[in-house]
Amino acid sequence: MIAEITAAYEAGKTAYTLAKAISDVSHDVRVNEKVIELQQLILTLQNGVFVAQREIDSLAKAKADSDEQFKAYERWDEEAAGYKLIQLPPGVNVFALRRVEGDTTPPHWLCPKCFMDRKKAFLQKEHRDLSTYHCQNCKLELDPEHHCTPQYV
């Protein structure tokens, strides 16, 4: 009978060890499942951060472009202040350079159409027609009377 009790005890002990091992395996599987779930959430978060960073970079570039455009407008406003709209006979409008003490820039006219588009385009005489002024940028032609030449204003 002792042999039977010992055998039963050993069988119970083995069953307990086996049950604990099964429990541990089950626990490990659940832990691994949660680890995988957590890794998926981390990947989703990383993707969201990556998308947000791209958007931030895009917005930063747009701001820098905007700032540069604003500075260009400010520079143009400073440049444009050096010119005055004048009317030549017979009603031809041009922008003439204002006289500034110490400035050695020769007197010249700017194309009114290009000037309104915030571009500095000189009106030039061409060799074939010395009475007509041409804008090389927009191809405007102006023919003031009396063979006017640029003067400071």
C-alpha atoms as a PDB file:
ATOM      1  CA  MET A   1       0.000   0.000   0.000  1.00  0.00           C
ATOM      2  CA  ILE A   2       2.848   2.388   0.634  1.00  0.00           C
ATOM      3  CA  ALA A   3       3.983   1.762  -2.904  1.00  0.00           C
ATOM      4  CA  GLU A   4       0.554   2.714  -4.188  1.00  0.00           C
ATOM      5  CA  ILE A   5       0.467   5.862  -2.026  1.00  0.00           C
ATOM      6  CA  THR A   6       3.956   6.800  -3.154  1.00  0.00           C
ATOM      7  CA  ALA A   7       2.970   6.167  -6.768  1.00  0.00           C
ATOM      8  CA  ALA A   8      -0.171   8.280  -6.319  1.00  0.00           C
ATOM      9  CA  TYR A   9       1.860  11.010  -4.621  1.00  0.00           C
ATOM     10  CA  GLU A  10       4.424  10.998  -7.466  1.00  0.00           C
ATOM     11  CA  ALA A  11       1.638  11.053 -10.040  1.00  0.00           C
ATOM     12  CA  GLY A  12       0.010  14.027  -8.259  1.00  0.00           C
ATOM     13  CA  LYS A  13       3.340  15.818  -8.057  1.00  0.00           C
ATOM     14  CA  THR A  14       3.979  15.219 -11.752  1.00  0.00           C
ATOM     15  CA  ALA A  15       0.443  16.373 -12.597  1.00  0.00           C
ATOM     16  CA  TYR A  16       0.988  19.557 -10.580  1.00  0.00           C
ATOM     17  CA  THR A  17       4.326  20.241 -12.316  1.00  0.00           C
ATOM     18  CA  LEU A  18       2.715  19.581 -15.704  1.00  0.00           C
ATOM     19  CA  ALA A  19      -0.257  21.854 -14.879  1.00  0.00           C
ATOM     20  CA  LYS A  20       2.122  24.610 -13.750  1.00  0.00           C
ATOM     21  CA  ALA A  21       4.139  24.233 -16.942  1.00  0.00           C
ATOM     22  CA  ILE A  22       0.951  24.447 -19.018  1.00  0.00           C
ATOM     23  CA  SER A  23      -0.083  27.544 -17.028  1.00  0.00           C
ATOM     24  CA  ASP A  24       3.337  29.105 -17.562  1.00  0.00           C
ATOM     25  CA  VAL A  25       3.175  28.383 -21.316  1.00  0.00           C
ATOM     26  CA  SER A  26      -0.331  29.842 -21.453  1.00  0.00           C
ATOM     27  CA  HIS A  27       0.881  32.901 -19.539  1.00  0.00           C
ATOM     28  CA  ASP A  28       3.882  33.246 -21.906  1.00  0.00           C
ATOM     29  CA  VAL A  29       1.580  33.039 -24.940  1.00  0.00           C
ATOM     30  CA  ARG A  30      -0.650  35.800 -23.518  1.00  0.00           C
ATOM     31  CA  VAL A  31       2.409  37.919 -22.742  1.00  0.00           C
ATOM     32  CA  ASN A  32       3.714  37.388 -26.282  1.00  0.00           C
ATOM     33  CA  GLU A  33       0.317  38.322 -27.724  1.00  0.00           C
ATOM     34  CA  LYS A  34       0.326  41.564 -25.691  1.00  0.00           C
ATOM     35  CA  VAL A  35       3.923  42.270 -26.735  1.00  0.00           C
ATOM     36  CA  ILE A  36       2.923  41.883 -30.405  1.00  0.00           C
ATOM     37  CA  GLU A  37      -0.116  44.116 -29.855  1.00  0.00           C
ATOM     38  CA  LEU A  38       2.103  46.723 -28.167  1.00  0.00           C
ATOM     39  CA  GLN A  39       4.619  46.562 -31.030  1.00  0.00           C
ATOM     40  CA  GLN A  40       1.805  47.162 -33.533  1.00  0.00           C
ATOM     41  CA  LEU A  41       0.673  50.198 -31.542  1.00  0.00           C
ATOM     42  CA  ILE A  42       4.252  51.494 -31.449  1.00  0.00           C
ATOM     43  CA  LEU A  43       4.520  51.104 -35.244  1.00  0.00           C
ATOM     44  CA  THR A  44       1.230  52.976 -35.688  1.00  0.00           C
ATOM     45  CA  LEU A  45       2.503  55.732 -33.405  1.00  0.00           C
ATOM     46  CA  GLN A  46       5.822  55.939 -35.266  1.00  0.00           C
ATOM     47  CA  ASN A  47       3.972  56.203 -38.574  1.00  0.00           C
ATOM     48  CA  GLY A  48       1.816  59.000 -37.162  1.00  0.00           C
ATOM     49  CA  VAL A  49       4.900  60.838 -35.922  1.00  0.00           C
ATOM     50  CA  PHE A  50       6.547  60.422 -39.339  1.00  0.00           C
ATOM     51  CA  VAL A  51       3.473  61.822 -41.130  1.00  0.00           C
ATOM     52  CA  ALA A  52       3.291  64.720 -38.649  1.00  0.00           C
ATOM     53  CA  GLN A  53       7.002  65.462 -39.157  1.00  0.00           C
ATOM     54  CA  ARG A  54       6.533  65.571 -42.929  1.00  0.00           C
ATOM     55  CA  GLU A  55       3.638  67.986 -42.453  1.00  0.00           C
ATOM     56  CA  ILE A  56       5.736  70.141 -40.112  1.00  0.00           C
ATOM     57  CA  ASP A  57       8.563  70.177 -42.671  1.00  0.00           C
ATOM     58  CA  SER A  58       6.120  71.133 -45.419  1.00  0.00           C
ATOM     59  CA  LEU A  59       4.660  73.949 -43.312  1.00  0.00           C
ATOM     60  CA  ALA A  60       8.142  75.187 -42.394  1.00  0.00           C
ATOM     61  CA  LYS A  61       9.090  75.320 -46.082  1.00  0.00           C
ATOM     62  CA  ALA A  62       5.860  77.152 -46.934  1.00  0.00           C
ATOM     63  CA  LYS A  63       6.579  79.666 -44.157  1.00  0.00           C
ATOM     64  CA  ALA A  64      10.141  80.179 -45.384  1.00  0.00           C
ATOM     65  CA  ASP A  65       8.846  80.694 -48.944  1.00  0.00           C
ATOM     66  CA  SER A  66       6.252  83.146 -47.636  1.00  0.00           C
ATOM     67  CA  ASP A  67       8.869  85.033 -45.653  1.00  0.00           C
ATOM     68  CA  GLU A  68      11.113  85.252 -48.713  1.00  0.00           C
ATOM     69  CA  GLN A  69       8.221  86.488 -50.868  1.00  0.00           C
ATOM     70  CA  PHE A  70       7.377  89.111 -48.231  1.00  0.00           C
ATOM     71  CA  LYS A  71      11.013  90.251 -48.140  1.00  0.00           C
ATOM     72  CA  ALA A  72      11.004  90.475 -51.947  1.00  0.00           C
ATOM     73  CA  TYR A  73       7.900  92.684 -51.753  1.00  0.00           C
ATOM     74  CA  GLU A  74       9.607  94.881 -49.174  1.00  0.00           C
ATOM     75  CA  ARG A  75      12.735  95.122 -51.353  1.00  0.00           C
ATOM     76  CA  TRP A  76      10.557  96.006 -54.350  1.00  0.00           C
ATOM     77  CA  ASP A  77       8.763  98.707 -52.357  1.00  0.00           C
ATOM     78  CA  GLU A  78      12.151 100.234 -51.471  1.00  0.00           C
ATOM     79  CA  GLU A  79      13.272  99.997 -55.109  1.00  0.00           C
ATOM     80  CA  ALA A  80       9.976 101.425 -56.429  1.00  0.00           C
ATOM     81  CA  ALA A  81      10.255 104.444 -54.120  1.00  0.00           C
ATOM     82  CA  GLY A  82      13.209 105.551 -56.247  1.00  0.00           C
ATOM     83  CA  TYR A  83      10.953 106.084 -59.280  1.00  0.00           C
ATOM     84  CA  LYS A  84       8.102 108.418 -60.160  1.00  0.00           C
ATOM     85  CA  LEU A  85       5.365 107.974 -62.743  1.00  0.00           C
ATOM     86  CA  ILE A  86       5.622 110.737 -65.326  1.00  0.00           C
ATOM     87  CA  GLN A  87       3.736 111.469 -68.516  1.00  0.00           C
ATOM     88  CA  LEU A  88       5.587 112.195 -71.731  1.00  0.00           C
ATOM     89  CA  PRO A  89       3.913 113.810 -74.720  1.00  0.00           C
ATOM     90  CA  PRO A  90       1.493 112.611 -76.159  1.00  0.00           C
ATOM     91  CA  GLY A  91       0.285 110.992 -72.939  1.00  0.00           C
ATOM     92  CA  VAL A  92       2.889 108.203 -72.734  1.00  0.00           C
ATOM     93  CA  ASN A  93       3.409 107.069 -69.128  1.00  0.00           C
ATOM     94  CA  VAL A  94       6.764 105.824 -67.874  1.00  0.00           C
ATOM     95  CA  PHE A  95       8.503 105.517 -64.530  1.00  0.00           C
ATOM     96  CA  ALA A  96      11.502 107.842 -64.266  1.00  0.00           C
ATOM     97  CA  LEU A  97      14.397 107.607 -61.828  1.00  0.00           C
ATOM     98  CA  ARG A  98      14.312 110.105 -58.960  1.00  0.00           C
ATOM     99  CA  ARG A  99      17.456 112.150 -58.407  1.00  0.00           C
ATOM    100  CA  VAL A 100      19.373 111.007 -55.326  1.00  0.00           C
ATOM    101  CA  GLU A 101      22.399 112.984 -54.191  1.00  0.00           C
ATOM    102  CA  GLY A 102      25.565 110.978 -54.723  1.00  0.00           C
ATOM    103  CA  ASP A 103      23.895 108.275 -56.864  1.00  0.00           C
ATOM    104  CA  THR A 104      25.756 107.715 -60.142  1.00  0.00           C
ATOM    105  CA  THR A 105      23.004 105.684 -61.813  1.00  0.00           C
ATOM    106  CA  PRO A 106      22.262 107.283 -65.179  1.00  0.00           C
ATOM    107  CA  PRO A 107      18.731 108.578 -65.765  1.00  0.00           C
ATOM    108  CA  HIS A 108      16.458 105.977 -67.325  1.00  0.00           C
ATOM    109  CA  TRP A 109      12.824 104.996 -67.790  1.00  0.00           C
ATOM    110  CA  LEU A 110      11.117 101.815 -66.705  1.00  0.00           C
ATOM    111  CA  CYS A 111       8.284 100.070 -68.496  1.00  0.00           C
ATOM    112  CA  PRO A 112       4.986 100.991 -66.772  1.00  0.00           C
ATOM    113  CA  LYS A 113       3.415  97.584 -67.423  1.00  0.00           C
ATOM    114  CA  CYS A 114       6.339  95.631 -65.959  1.00  0.00           C
ATOM    115  CA  PHE A 115       6.672  98.108 -63.089  1.00  0.00           C
ATOM    116  CA  MET A 116       3.061  97.418 -62.071  1.00  0.00           C
ATOM    117  CA  ASP A 117       3.948  93.691 -62.153  1.00  0.00           C
ATOM    118  CA  ARG A 118       6.761  94.488 -59.679  1.00  0.00           C
ATOM    119  CA  LYS A 119       9.502  94.019 -62.281  1.00  0.00           C
ATOM    120  CA  LYS A 120      12.246  96.424 -63.209  1.00  0.00           C
ATOM    121  CA  ALA A 121      12.408  96.498 -67.016  1.00  0.00           C
ATOM    122  CA  PHE A 122      14.292  99.281 -68.801  1.00  0.00           C
ATOM    123  CA  LEU A 123      12.849 101.026 -71.826  1.00  0.00           C
ATOM    124  CA  GLN A 124      15.549 101.029 -74.502  1.00  0.00           C
ATOM    125  CA  LYS A 125      15.889 102.562 -77.951  1.00  0.00           C
ATOM    126  CA  GLU A 126      16.673 100.085 -80.649  1.00  0.00           C
ATOM    127  CA  HIS A 127      19.150 100.884 -83.414  1.00  0.00           C
ATOM    128  CA  ARG A 128      16.624 100.393 -86.203  1.00  0.00           C
ATOM    129  CA  ASP A 129      14.204 102.980 -84.768  1.00  0.00           C
ATOM    130  CA  LEU A 130      15.738 105.662 -82.575  1.00  0.00           C
ATOM    131  CA  SER A 131      12.402 107.344 -81.751  1.00  0.00           C
ATOM    132  CA  THR A 132      10.661 104.292 -80.246  1.00  0.00           C
ATOM    133  CA  TYR A 133      11.412 102.839 -76.839  1.00  0.00           C
ATOM    134  CA  HIS A 134      11.057  99.087 -76.355  1.00  0.00           C
ATOM    135  CA  CYS A 135      10.648  96.941 -73.266  1.00  0.00           C
ATOM    136  CA  GLN A 136      12.745  93.806 -73.668  1.00  0.00           C
ATOM    137  CA  ASN A 137      10.618  92.027 -71.055  1.00  0.00           C
ATOM    138  CA  CYS A 138       7.012  92.486 -72.239  1.00  0.00           C
ATOM    139  CA  LYS A 139       7.745  93.873 -75.751  1.00  0.00           C
ATOM    140  CA  LEU A 140       5.826  97.113 -75.083  1.00  0.00           C
ATOM    141  CA  GLU A 141       6.685  99.888 -77.536  1.00  0.00           C
ATOM    142  CA  LEU A 142       6.400 103.587 -76.644  1.00  0.00           C
ATOM    143  CA  ASP A 143       6.840 106.444 -79.063  1.00  0.00           C
ATOM    144  CA  PRO A 144       7.034 109.759 -77.206  1.00  0.00           C
ATOM    145  CA  GLU A 145       6.938 112.932 -79.266  1.00  0.00           C
ATOM    146  CA  HIS A 146       9.876 115.318 -79.583  1.00  0.00           C
ATOM    147  CA  HIS A 147      12.468 112.558 -79.214  1.00  0.00           C
ATOM    148  CA  CYS A 148      12.447 112.763 -75.408  1.00  0.00           C
ATOM    149  CA  THR A 149      15.363 111.343 -73.471  1.00  0.00           C
ATOM    150  CA  PRO A 150      15.315 110.132 -69.862  1.00  0.00           C
ATOM    151  CA  GLN A 151      15.870 112.798 -67.225  1.00  0.00           C
ATOM    152  CA  TYR A 152      15.904 112.655 -63.438  1.00  0.00           C
ATOM    153  CA  VAL A 153      12.721 113.720 -61.675  1.00  0.00           C
END
